Amino acid sequence: MSDTAGNKAEEIKGKAKEALGNATGNEQWQAEGKAEQAKGALKQAGEKVKDAVKNVKN
């Protein structure tokens, strides 16, 4: 699995965990889900920057 796909998967996993936390009232799962979403989004942004720099060099 590519880095981009893995990062998106992490973001989706975070959304699912947050939704489960919302449904059950589990604040820890809600917080963990939000954190995983942010982590995945940040990694995706880093990949985009890396790709942009690679394209500028070429």
Protein backbone atom coordinates (compact mmCIF):
# COMPACT_ATOMS: atom_id res chain seq x y z
CA MET A 1 0.00 0.00 0.00
CA SER A 2 1.35 3.41 -0.91
CA ASP A 3 1.96 6.11 1.68
CA THR A 4 -0.94 8.14 0.34
CA ALA A 5 -3.36 5.22 0.59
CA GLY A 6 -2.12 4.38 4.07
CA ASN A 7 -2.59 7.97 5.20
CA LYS A 8 -6.12 8.08 3.78
CA ALA A 9 -6.89 4.76 5.47
CA GLU A 10 -5.70 6.19 8.79
CA GLU A 11 -7.97 9.19 8.31
CA ILE A 12 -10.96 6.95 7.50
CA LYS A 13 -10.21 4.74 10.50
CA GLY A 14 -10.22 7.87 12.66
CA LYS A 15 -13.61 8.93 11.29
CA ALA A 16 -15.02 5.49 12.08
CA LYS A 17 -13.59 5.52 15.59
CA GLU A 18 -14.96 9.01 16.23
CA ALA A 19 -18.41 7.96 14.95
CA LEU A 20 -18.37 4.90 17.19
CA GLY A 21 -17.37 7.09 20.11
CA ASN A 22 -20.22 9.48 19.31
CA ALA A 23 -22.70 6.60 19.09
CA THR A 24 -21.62 5.06 22.39
CA GLY A 25 -20.80 8.28 24.25
CA ASN A 26 -17.18 7.16 24.64
CA GLU A 27 -15.18 10.39 24.83
CA GLN A 28 -11.84 8.58 24.60
CA TRP A 29 -12.76 7.02 21.25
CA GLN A 30 -14.04 10.38 20.04
CA ALA A 31 -10.72 12.04 20.92
CA GLU A 32 -8.63 9.20 19.49
CA GLY A 33 -10.67 9.29 16.28
CA LYS A 34 -10.15 13.02 15.87
CA ALA A 35 -6.42 12.61 16.54
CA GLU A 36 -6.11 9.82 13.94
CA GLN A 37 -7.95 11.94 11.39
CA ALA A 38 -5.62 14.87 12.00
CA LYS A 39 -2.56 12.63 11.82
CA GLY A 40 -3.70 11.13 8.51
CA ALA A 41 -4.52 14.54 7.05
CA LEU A 42 -1.14 15.94 8.12
CA LYS A 43 0.69 13.02 6.55
CA GLN A 44 -1.29 13.51 3.32
CA ALA A 45 -0.32 17.17 3.27
CA GLY A 46 3.31 16.18 3.72
CA GLU A 47 3.06 13.79 0.78
CA LYS A 48 1.59 16.56 -1.39
CA VAL A 49 4.47 18.87 -0.49
CA LYS A 50 6.96 16.12 -1.24
CA ASP A 51 5.33 15.52 -4.64
CA ALA A 52 5.29 19.25 -5.41
CA VAL A 53 9.00 19.58 -4.61
CA LYS A 54 9.75 16.53 -6.74
CA ASN A 55 7.83 18.08 -9.67
CA VAL A 56 9.69 21.39 -9.32
CA LYS A 57 13.04 19.62 -9.43
CA ASN A 58 12.07 17.86 -12.66
